[in-house]
Amino acid sequence: MTICFENPSELKSTLQSVSSIYNASFMEQIVIDGSKSGSCDAVIDENQWIDIVVRELDAGKFDAMNKGVRVATGRYILFLNSGDTLVECAREQFRGIMDRLDAETKPVLFYGGVVFQVGTRLFLSVPPDPYFLKRGRSRHLPSHQATFYPKEFLLEYQYEPTYTSAADTAVAIEAIRLLPVISLCVPIAIFRLGGISNVQPHFHDLFKHQEEWCRARKVRGIRRIRYIGKSVAKFFIMKVIGWQRYYYFSLRVKPWRFRLLQEVLKVKDDR
């Protein structure tokens, strides 16, 4: 499922990464377009293989994601939003991944790794271990770009549409708490850093984001003060050295979690 809003070039790259492995016998592509100007129409119209298109205004990204869940017909949903692309190895193994999902008779949360893109550099984020996830001992959660959610779970536990960045965190925490979790042990998607969830352009945006994050993770008291303090420091460091340099160095100093990929993982351009 892909959400887009006034970003046709990013939508095009996402659809190109999916089109080469699209197979109507075991998957469907849904696009939820909330654009006001019709800027994404040409890209959508040239991809006739898309199964479902919803073109209407929405209350934000998470409202659009809820709409997509309601119109989906499959058992599992992967949110690959505009700008996100499938990793080459995930595309090569996609049929096998679908077979594994289909083999489960009960709802299960499946997840893989994600590749963070900082400028031209790519960092593989090592997916958390299911054992530590279920026991609340993992400091990071699976990225929604690499997580296959059971549709029936998302119908009951919807994304909070008033959130701007942390609704996916709240849903992931509930899914991990309530569902069995299985790691697919393969990177699924490339996610470009630089969006509102990791780079806040203004100080008031920072506090809104942190308030949502703390609510989603139920962080209170001293932990909340510590987290907000670290976020304020991060905000000013990024203002001084730039967000790309900040993330490049912050990812490099955590080799146990992020691995700099020496080979560029290219998404084929079928233009």
C-alpha atoms as a PDB file:
ATOM      1  CA  MET A   1       0.000   0.000   0.000  1.00  0.00           C
ATOM      2  CA  THR A   2       1.305   3.432  -0.941  1.00  0.00           C
ATOM      3  CA  ILE A   3       0.234   6.813   0.439  1.00  0.00           C
ATOM      4  CA  CYS A   4       1.075   9.900  -1.609  1.00  0.00           C
ATOM      5  CA  PHE A   5       0.525  13.641  -1.346  1.00  0.00           C
ATOM      6  CA  GLU A   6       1.792  16.105  -3.963  1.00  0.00           C
ATOM      7  CA  ASN A   7       4.976  14.076  -4.597  1.00  0.00           C
ATOM      8  CA  PRO A   8       4.747  12.429  -8.039  1.00  0.00           C
ATOM      9  CA  SER A   9       8.484  11.761  -8.436  1.00  0.00           C
ATOM     10  CA  GLU A  10       8.660   9.858  -5.132  1.00  0.00           C
ATOM     11  CA  LEU A  11       5.482   7.954  -6.022  1.00  0.00           C
ATOM     12  CA  LYS A  12       7.001   6.981  -9.365  1.00  0.00           C
ATOM     13  CA  SER A  13      10.150   5.553  -7.773  1.00  0.00           C
ATOM     14  CA  THR A  14       8.072   3.517  -5.320  1.00  0.00           C
ATOM     15  CA  LEU A  15       5.824   2.060  -8.000  1.00  0.00           C
ATOM     16  CA  GLN A  16       8.818   1.235 -10.202  1.00  0.00           C
ATOM     17  CA  SER A  17      10.370  -0.795  -7.386  1.00  0.00           C
ATOM     18  CA  VAL A  18       7.146  -2.801  -7.001  1.00  0.00           C
ATOM     19  CA  SER A  19       6.119  -3.238 -10.652  1.00  0.00           C
ATOM     20  CA  SER A  20       8.906  -5.682 -11.487  1.00  0.00           C
ATOM     21  CA  ILE A  21       7.673  -8.212  -8.908  1.00  0.00           C
ATOM     22  CA  TYR A  22       3.941  -7.469  -9.034  1.00  0.00           C
ATOM     23  CA  ASN A  23       1.807 -10.579  -9.399  1.00  0.00           C
ATOM     24  CA  ALA A  24      -1.958 -10.269  -9.122  1.00  0.00           C
ATOM     25  CA  SER A  25      -2.260 -13.901  -8.009  1.00  0.00           C
ATOM     26  CA  PHE A  26      -0.806 -13.212  -4.569  1.00  0.00           C
ATOM     27  CA  MET A  27      -0.604  -9.431  -4.050  1.00  0.00           C
ATOM     28  CA  GLU A  28      -2.418  -6.189  -4.704  1.00  0.00           C
ATOM     29  CA  GLN A  29      -1.179  -2.614  -5.039  1.00  0.00           C
ATOM     30  CA  ILE A  30      -3.228   0.137  -3.425  1.00  0.00           C
ATOM     31  CA  VAL A  31      -2.554   3.864  -3.828  1.00  0.00           C
ATOM     32  CA  ILE A  32      -4.225   6.428  -1.572  1.00  0.00           C
ATOM     33  CA  ASP A  33      -3.748   9.872  -3.111  1.00  0.00           C
ATOM     34  CA  GLY A  34      -4.646  12.874  -0.985  1.00  0.00           C
ATOM     35  CA  SER A  35      -3.234  15.463  -3.392  1.00  0.00           C
ATOM     36  CA  LYS A  36      -5.274  18.602  -3.917  1.00  0.00           C
ATOM     37  CA  SER A  37      -3.769  19.610  -7.276  1.00  0.00           C
ATOM     38  CA  GLY A  38      -3.908  16.270  -9.075  1.00  0.00           C
ATOM     39  CA  SER A  39      -0.118  16.276  -9.299  1.00  0.00           C
ATOM     40  CA  CYS A  40       0.087  12.488  -8.903  1.00  0.00           C
ATOM     41  CA  ASP A  41      -2.617  11.665 -11.452  1.00  0.00           C
ATOM     42  CA  ALA A  42      -0.266  11.164 -14.403  1.00  0.00           C
ATOM     43  CA  VAL A  43       1.949   8.744 -12.487  1.00  0.00           C
ATOM     44  CA  ILE A  44      -1.039   6.745 -11.248  1.00  0.00           C
ATOM     45  CA  ASP A  45      -2.693   6.653 -14.673  1.00  0.00           C
ATOM     46  CA  GLU A  46       0.437   5.354 -16.410  1.00  0.00           C
ATOM     47  CA  ASN A  47       0.586   2.418 -13.987  1.00  0.00           C
ATOM     48  CA  GLN A  48      -2.535   0.565 -15.051  1.00  0.00           C
ATOM     49  CA  TRP A  49      -1.531  -2.489 -13.028  1.00  0.00           C
ATOM     50  CA  ILE A  50      -2.467  -0.736  -9.761  1.00  0.00           C
ATOM     51  CA  ASP A  51      -5.444  -2.593  -8.278  1.00  0.00           C
ATOM     52  CA  ILE A  52      -7.124   0.061  -6.141  1.00  0.00           C
ATOM     53  CA  VAL A  53      -6.827   3.848  -6.262  1.00  0.00           C
ATOM     54  CA  VAL A  54      -8.507   6.203  -3.803  1.00  0.00           C
ATOM     55  CA  ARG A  55      -8.331   9.873  -4.771  1.00  0.00           C
ATOM     56  CA  GLU A  56      -9.753  12.140  -2.079  1.00  0.00           C
ATOM     57  CA  LEU A  57      -8.632  14.642   0.526  1.00  0.00           C
ATOM     58  CA  ASP A  58      -7.724  13.285   3.909  1.00  0.00           C
ATOM     59  CA  ALA A  59      -6.769  14.478   7.391  1.00  0.00           C
ATOM     60  CA  GLY A  60      -3.136  13.472   6.988  1.00  0.00           C
ATOM     61  CA  LYS A  61      -0.926  10.449   6.363  1.00  0.00           C
ATOM     62  CA  PHE A  62      -2.403   8.259   9.085  1.00  0.00           C
ATOM     63  CA  ASP A  63      -5.989   9.012   8.058  1.00  0.00           C
ATOM     64  CA  ALA A  64      -4.998   7.931   4.538  1.00  0.00           C
ATOM     65  CA  MET A  65      -3.422   4.729   5.888  1.00  0.00           C
ATOM     66  CA  ASN A  66      -6.656   3.892   7.728  1.00  0.00           C
ATOM     67  CA  LYS A  67      -8.580   4.385   4.476  1.00  0.00           C
ATOM     68  CA  GLY A  68      -6.225   2.006   2.722  1.00  0.00           C
ATOM     69  CA  VAL A  69      -6.739  -0.667   5.373  1.00  0.00           C
ATOM     70  CA  ARG A  70     -10.505  -0.482   4.888  1.00  0.00           C
ATOM     71  CA  VAL A  71     -10.350  -1.023   1.110  1.00  0.00           C
ATOM     72  CA  ALA A  72      -7.622  -3.710   1.170  1.00  0.00           C
ATOM     73  CA  THR A  73      -8.712  -7.266   0.377  1.00  0.00           C
ATOM     74  CA  GLY A  74      -5.580  -9.204   1.384  1.00  0.00           C
ATOM     75  CA  ARG A  75      -4.709 -10.733   4.745  1.00  0.00           C
ATOM     76  CA  TYR A  76      -1.490  -8.750   5.273  1.00  0.00           C
ATOM     77  CA  ILE A  77      -0.548  -5.138   4.567  1.00  0.00           C
ATOM     78  CA  LEU A  78       2.862  -3.582   3.912  1.00  0.00           C
ATOM     79  CA  PHE A  79       2.944   0.221   3.921  1.00  0.00           C
ATOM     80  CA  LEU A  80       5.480   1.208   1.277  1.00  0.00           C
ATOM     81  CA  ASN A  81       4.724   4.907   1.063  1.00  0.00           C
ATOM     82  CA  SER A  82       5.794   7.241  -1.718  1.00  0.00           C
ATOM     83  CA  GLY A  83       9.568   7.634  -1.646  1.00  0.00           C
ATOM     84  CA  ASP A  84      10.136   4.200  -0.064  1.00  0.00           C
ATOM     85  CA  THR A  85      11.454   1.463  -2.353  1.00  0.00           C
ATOM     86  CA  LEU A  86      11.886  -2.285  -2.106  1.00  0.00           C
ATOM     87  CA  VAL A  87      15.413  -3.583  -1.589  1.00  0.00           C
ATOM     88  CA  GLU A  88      16.737  -5.760  -4.420  1.00  0.00           C
ATOM     89  CA  CYS A  89      17.081  -8.891  -2.276  1.00  0.00           C
ATOM     90  CA  ALA A  90      13.535  -8.458  -0.947  1.00  0.00           C
ATOM     91  CA  ARG A  91      12.180  -8.307  -4.488  1.00  0.00           C
ATOM     92  CA  GLU A  92      14.065 -11.484  -5.367  1.00  0.00           C
ATOM     93  CA  GLN A  93      12.548 -13.286  -2.364  1.00  0.00           C
ATOM     94  CA  PHE A  94       9.115 -11.659  -2.370  1.00  0.00           C
ATOM     95  CA  ARG A  95       7.166 -14.712  -3.523  1.00  0.00           C
ATOM     96  CA  GLY A  96       8.774 -16.759  -0.761  1.00  0.00           C
ATOM     97  CA  ILE A  97       7.893 -14.077   1.787  1.00  0.00           C
ATOM     98  CA  MET A  98       4.267 -14.104   0.607  1.00  0.00           C
ATOM     99  CA  ASP A  99       4.130 -17.899   0.875  1.00  0.00           C
ATOM    100  CA  ARG A 100       5.419 -17.699   4.441  1.00  0.00           C
ATOM    101  CA  LEU A 101       2.754 -15.162   5.388  1.00  0.00           C
ATOM    102  CA  ASP A 102       0.059 -17.248   3.736  1.00  0.00           C
ATOM    103  CA  ALA A 103       1.147 -20.369   5.615  1.00  0.00           C
ATOM    104  CA  GLU A 104       0.171 -18.837   8.973  1.00  0.00           C
ATOM    105  CA  THR A 105      -3.452 -19.558   9.828  1.00  0.00           C
ATOM    106  CA  LYS A 106      -3.552 -17.073  12.716  1.00  0.00           C
ATOM    107  CA  PRO A 107      -2.561 -13.373  12.627  1.00  0.00           C
ATOM    108  CA  VAL A 108       1.191 -12.892  13.065  1.00  0.00           C
ATOM    109  CA  LEU A 109       3.344  -9.768  12.923  1.00  0.00           C
ATOM    110  CA  PHE A 110       6.099 -10.316  10.342  1.00  0.00           C
ATOM    111  CA  TYR A 111       8.955  -7.869   9.970  1.00  0.00           C
ATOM    112  CA  GLY A 112      12.304  -7.485   8.256  1.00  0.00           C
ATOM    113  CA  GLY A 113      15.109  -4.961   8.210  1.00  0.00           C
ATOM    114  CA  VAL A 114      15.150  -1.531   6.648  1.00  0.00           C
ATOM    115  CA  VAL A 115      17.902   0.351   4.837  1.00  0.00           C
ATOM    116  CA  PHE A 116      18.217   4.014   5.833  1.00  0.00           C
ATOM    117  CA  GLN A 117      19.328   6.337   3.060  1.00  0.00           C
ATOM    118  CA  VAL A 118      21.310   9.416   4.126  1.00  0.00           C
ATOM    119  CA  GLY A 119      22.130  11.356   0.980  1.00  0.00           C
ATOM    120  CA  THR A 120      23.907   8.789  -1.203  1.00  0.00           C
ATOM    121  CA  ARG A 121      24.921   6.535   1.693  1.00  0.00           C
ATOM    122  CA  LEU A 122      22.964   3.468   2.751  1.00  0.00           C
ATOM    123  CA  PHE A 123      22.857   1.970   6.248  1.00  0.00           C
ATOM    124  CA  LEU A 124      21.339  -1.428   6.958  1.00  0.00           C
ATOM    125  CA  SER A 125      19.393  -1.320  10.213  1.00  0.00           C
ATOM    126  CA  VAL A 126      19.688  -4.705  11.915  1.00  0.00           C
ATOM    127  CA  PRO A 127      16.121  -5.791  12.810  1.00  0.00           C
ATOM    128  CA  PRO A 128      15.433  -6.295  16.519  1.00  0.00           C
ATOM    129  CA  ASP A 129      15.303  -9.804  17.949  1.00  0.00           C
ATOM    130  CA  PRO A 130      11.726 -11.115  18.484  1.00  0.00           C
ATOM    131  CA  TYR A 131      12.665 -12.350  21.985  1.00  0.00           C
ATOM    132  CA  PHE A 132      13.590  -8.859  23.165  1.00  0.00           C
ATOM    133  CA  LEU A 133      10.698  -7.223  21.305  1.00  0.00           C
ATOM    134  CA  LYS A 134       8.086  -9.306  23.107  1.00  0.00           C
ATOM    135  CA  ARG A 135       9.680  -8.560  26.474  1.00  0.00           C
ATOM    136  CA  GLY A 136       9.946  -4.813  25.901  1.00  0.00           C
ATOM    137  CA  ARG A 137      13.742  -4.910  26.017  1.00  0.00           C
ATOM    138  CA  SER A 138      14.393  -3.610  22.511  1.00  0.00           C
ATOM    139  CA  ARG A 139      15.134   0.113  22.236  1.00  0.00           C
ATOM    140  CA  HIS A 140      13.987   0.233  18.624  1.00  0.00           C
ATOM    141  CA  LEU A 141      10.939  -1.109  16.800  1.00  0.00           C
ATOM    142  CA  PRO A 142      10.569  -2.588  13.323  1.00  0.00           C
ATOM    143  CA  SER A 143      10.032   0.130  10.710  1.00  0.00           C
ATOM    144  CA  HIS A 144       6.559   0.195   9.200  1.00  0.00           C
ATOM    145  CA  GLN A 145       8.177   0.060   5.722  1.00  0.00           C
ATOM    146  CA  ALA A 146       9.453  -3.409   6.627  1.00  0.00           C
ATOM    147  CA  THR A 147       6.480  -4.725   8.625  1.00  0.00           C
ATOM    148  CA  PHE A 148       3.646  -6.922   7.377  1.00  0.00           C
ATOM    149  CA  TYR A 149       0.571  -6.250   9.524  1.00  0.00           C
ATOM    150  CA  PRO A 150      -2.467  -8.546   9.619  1.00  0.00           C
ATOM    151  CA  LYS A 151      -5.362  -6.593   8.136  1.00  0.00           C
ATOM    152  CA  GLU A 152      -7.775  -7.711  10.846  1.00  0.00           C
ATOM    153  CA  PHE A 153      -5.463  -6.247  13.492  1.00  0.00           C
ATOM    154  CA  LEU A 154      -5.273  -2.859  11.696  1.00  0.00           C
ATOM    155  CA  LEU A 155      -9.055  -2.742  11.374  1.00  0.00           C
ATOM    156  CA  GLU A 156      -9.334  -2.937  15.149  1.00  0.00           C
ATOM    157  CA  TYR A 157      -6.253  -0.894  16.126  1.00  0.00           C
ATOM    158  CA  GLN A 158      -6.294   2.018  13.710  1.00  0.00           C
ATOM    159  CA  TYR A 159      -3.709   4.750  13.318  1.00  0.00           C
ATOM    160  CA  GLU A 160      -4.484   7.897  15.309  1.00  0.00           C
ATOM    161  CA  PRO A 161      -5.238  10.459  12.562  1.00  0.00           C
ATOM    162  CA  THR A 162      -4.450  13.477  14.757  1.00  0.00           C
ATOM    163  CA  TYR A 163      -0.808  12.388  15.058  1.00  0.00           C
ATOM    164  CA  THR A 164       1.716  13.731  12.573  1.00  0.00           C
ATOM    165  CA  SER A 165       4.542  11.250  13.128  1.00  0.00           C
ATOM    166  CA  ALA A 166       4.124   8.745  15.978  1.00  0.00           C
ATOM    167  CA  ALA A 167       0.881   6.911  15.206  1.00  0.00           C
ATOM    168  CA  ASP A 168       2.819   4.072  13.578  1.00  0.00           C
ATOM    169  CA  THR A 169       4.880   3.724  16.763  1.00  0.00           C
ATOM    170  CA  ALA A 170       1.728   3.339  18.879  1.00  0.00           C
ATOM    171  CA  VAL A 171       0.283   0.717  16.506  1.00  0.00           C
ATOM    172  CA  ALA A 172       3.569  -1.217  16.372  1.00  0.00           C
ATOM    173  CA  ILE A 173       3.740  -1.377  20.176  1.00  0.00           C
ATOM    174  CA  GLU A 174       0.181  -2.747  20.366  1.00  0.00           C
ATOM    175  CA  ALA A 175       0.879  -5.295  17.624  1.00  0.00           C
ATOM    176  CA  ILE A 176       4.023  -6.536  19.378  1.00  0.00           C
ATOM    177  CA  ARG A 177       2.108  -6.808  22.648  1.00  0.00           C
ATOM    178  CA  LEU A 178      -0.849  -8.715  21.211  1.00  0.00           C
ATOM    179  CA  LEU A 179       0.497 -10.772  18.307  1.00  0.00           C
ATOM    180  CA  PRO A 180       3.169 -13.426  17.811  1.00  0.00           C
ATOM    181  CA  VAL A 181       6.178 -11.827  16.100  1.00  0.00           C
ATOM    182  CA  ILE A 182       8.421 -13.407  13.473  1.00  0.00           C
ATOM    183  CA  SER A 183      11.541 -11.878  11.939  1.00  0.00           C
ATOM    184  CA  LEU A 184      11.935 -12.477   8.202  1.00  0.00           C
ATOM    185  CA  CYS A 185      15.715 -11.920   8.520  1.00  0.00           C
ATOM    186  CA  VAL A 186      15.893  -9.965   5.252  1.00  0.00           C
ATOM    187  CA  PRO A 187      15.928  -6.207   4.532  1.00  0.00           C
ATOM    188  CA  ILE A 188      12.641  -5.148   2.961  1.00  0.00           C
ATOM    189  CA  ALA A 189      12.738  -1.455   2.077  1.00  0.00           C
ATOM    190  CA  ILE A 190      14.921   1.596   1.596  1.00  0.00           C
ATOM    191  CA  PHE A 191      13.727   4.544   3.678  1.00  0.00           C
ATOM    192  CA  ARG A 192      15.043   8.029   2.964  1.00  0.00           C
ATOM    193  CA  LEU A 193      15.746   9.982   6.131  1.00  0.00           C
ATOM    194  CA  GLY A 194      14.809  13.642   6.087  1.00  0.00           C
ATOM    195  CA  GLY A 195      11.059  13.514   6.677  1.00  0.00           C
ATOM    196  CA  ILE A 196       9.029  15.037   9.487  1.00  0.00           C
ATOM    197  CA  SER A 197       9.512  11.991  11.741  1.00  0.00           C
ATOM    198  CA  ASN A 198      13.309  12.442  11.913  1.00  0.00           C
ATOM    199  CA  VAL A 199      13.993  16.068  10.914  1.00  0.00           C
ATOM    200  CA  GLN A 200      11.856  18.812  12.431  1.00  0.00           C
ATOM    201  CA  PRO A 201      12.300  22.152  10.637  1.00  0.00           C
ATOM    202  CA  HIS A 202      11.098  24.336  13.536  1.00  0.00           C
ATOM    203  CA  PHE A 203      11.373  24.256  17.298  1.00  0.00           C
ATOM    204  CA  HIS A 204       7.610  23.985  17.838  1.00  0.00           C
ATOM    205  CA  ASP A 205       7.551  21.005  15.437  1.00  0.00           C
ATOM    206  CA  LEU A 206      10.163  19.336  17.626  1.00  0.00           C
ATOM    207  CA  PHE A 207       8.044  19.584  20.769  1.00  0.00           C
ATOM    208  CA  LYS A 208       4.921  18.368  18.984  1.00  0.00           C
ATOM    209  CA  HIS A 209       6.830  15.368  17.671  1.00  0.00           C
ATOM    210  CA  GLN A 210       8.331  14.542  21.074  1.00  0.00           C
ATOM    211  CA  GLU A 211       4.969  14.868  22.796  1.00  0.00           C
ATOM    212  CA  GLU A 212       3.464  12.382  20.340  1.00  0.00           C
ATOM    213  CA  TRP A 213       6.441  10.040  20.705  1.00  0.00           C
ATOM    214  CA  CYS A 214       6.220  10.046  24.501  1.00  0.00           C
ATOM    215  CA  ARG A 215       2.462   9.429  24.383  1.00  0.00           C
ATOM    216  CA  ALA A 216       2.895   6.553  21.936  1.00  0.00           C
ATOM    217  CA  ARG A 217       5.582   4.886  24.068  1.00  0.00           C
ATOM    218  CA  LYS A 218       3.972   5.869  27.369  1.00  0.00           C
ATOM    219  CA  VAL A 219       7.174   7.609  28.478  1.00  0.00           C
ATOM    220  CA  ARG A 220       6.682   9.663  31.648  1.00  0.00           C
ATOM    221  CA  GLY A 221       8.569  11.344  34.453  1.00  0.00           C
ATOM    222  CA  ILE A 222      12.362  11.471  34.409  1.00  0.00           C
ATOM    223  CA  ARG A 223      12.595   9.376  31.243  1.00  0.00           C
ATOM    224  CA  ARG A 224      10.414  11.881  29.407  1.00  0.00           C
ATOM    225  CA  ILE A 225      12.538  14.826  30.570  1.00  0.00           C
ATOM    226  CA  ARG A 226      15.738  13.029  29.559  1.00  0.00           C
ATOM    227  CA  TYR A 227      14.364  12.156  26.130  1.00  0.00           C
ATOM    228  CA  ILE A 228      13.155  15.675  25.401  1.00  0.00           C
ATOM    229  CA  GLY A 229      16.509  17.072  26.556  1.00  0.00           C
ATOM    230  CA  LYS A 230      18.378  14.765  24.169  1.00  0.00           C
ATOM    231  CA  SER A 231      15.996  15.730  21.352  1.00  0.00           C
ATOM    232  CA  VAL A 232      16.573  19.442  21.931  1.00  0.00           C
ATOM    233  CA  ALA A 233      20.341  18.893  21.801  1.00  0.00           C
ATOM    234  CA  LYS A 234      19.918  16.857  18.602  1.00  0.00           C
ATOM    235  CA  PHE A 235      17.812  19.650  17.072  1.00  0.00           C
ATOM    236  CA  PHE A 236      20.497  22.286  17.602  1.00  0.00           C
ATOM    237  CA  ILE A 237      23.330  20.003  16.470  1.00  0.00           C
ATOM    238  CA  MET A 238      21.466  19.373  13.215  1.00  0.00           C
ATOM    239  CA  LYS A 239      20.984  23.113  12.792  1.00  0.00           C
ATOM    240  CA  VAL A 240      24.746  23.603  13.061  1.00  0.00           C
ATOM    241  CA  ILE A 241      26.122  20.696  11.000  1.00  0.00           C
ATOM    242  CA  GLY A 242      23.069  19.747   8.906  1.00  0.00           C
ATOM    243  CA  TRP A 243      20.798  16.742   9.263  1.00  0.00           C
ATOM    244  CA  GLN A 244      22.654  14.574   6.744  1.00  0.00           C
ATOM    245  CA  ARG A 245      25.988  14.912   8.576  1.00  0.00           C
ATOM    246  CA  TYR A 246      24.257  14.343  11.879  1.00  0.00           C
ATOM    247  CA  TYR A 247      22.650  11.089  10.805  1.00  0.00           C
ATOM    248  CA  TYR A 248      25.759   9.903   8.968  1.00  0.00           C
ATOM    249  CA  PHE A 249      27.896  10.212  12.108  1.00  0.00           C
ATOM    250  CA  SER A 250      25.196   9.031  14.529  1.00  0.00           C
ATOM    251  CA  LEU A 251      24.634   5.857  12.496  1.00  0.00           C
ATOM    252  CA  ARG A 252      28.350   5.216  12.022  1.00  0.00           C
ATOM    253  CA  VAL A 253      28.983   5.167  15.783  1.00  0.00           C
ATOM    254  CA  LYS A 254      26.438   2.330  16.269  1.00  0.00           C
ATOM    255  CA  PRO A 255      27.951  -0.506  14.185  1.00  0.00           C
ATOM    256  CA  TRP A 256      26.089  -3.141  16.211  1.00  0.00           C
ATOM    257  CA  ARG A 257      22.784  -1.722  14.920  1.00  0.00           C
ATOM    258  CA  PHE A 258      23.602   0.065  11.648  1.00  0.00           C
ATOM    259  CA  ARG A 259      25.937  -1.235   8.958  1.00  0.00           C
ATOM    260  CA  LEU A 260      27.217   1.030   6.198  1.00  0.00           C
ATOM    261  CA  LEU A 261      26.651  -0.781   2.932  1.00  0.00           C
ATOM    262  CA  GLN A 262      29.681  -0.706   0.649  1.00  0.00           C
ATOM    263  CA  GLU A 263      27.673  -1.710  -2.390  1.00  0.00           C
ATOM    264  CA  VAL A 264      24.888   0.585  -3.512  1.00  0.00           C
ATOM    265  CA  LEU A 265      21.526  -1.189  -3.495  1.00  0.00           C
ATOM    266  CA  LYS A 266      20.004   0.117  -6.697  1.00  0.00           C
ATOM    267  CA  VAL A 267      16.356   0.080  -7.559  1.00  0.00           C
ATOM    268  CA  LYS A 268      16.004  -0.706 -11.259  1.00  0.00           C
ATOM    269  CA  ASP A 269      14.756   2.140 -13.388  1.00  0.00           C
ATOM    270  CA  ASP A 270      12.396   0.788 -16.045  1.00  0.00           C
ATOM    271  CA  ARG A 271      11.932   4.107 -17.750  1.00  0.00           C
END
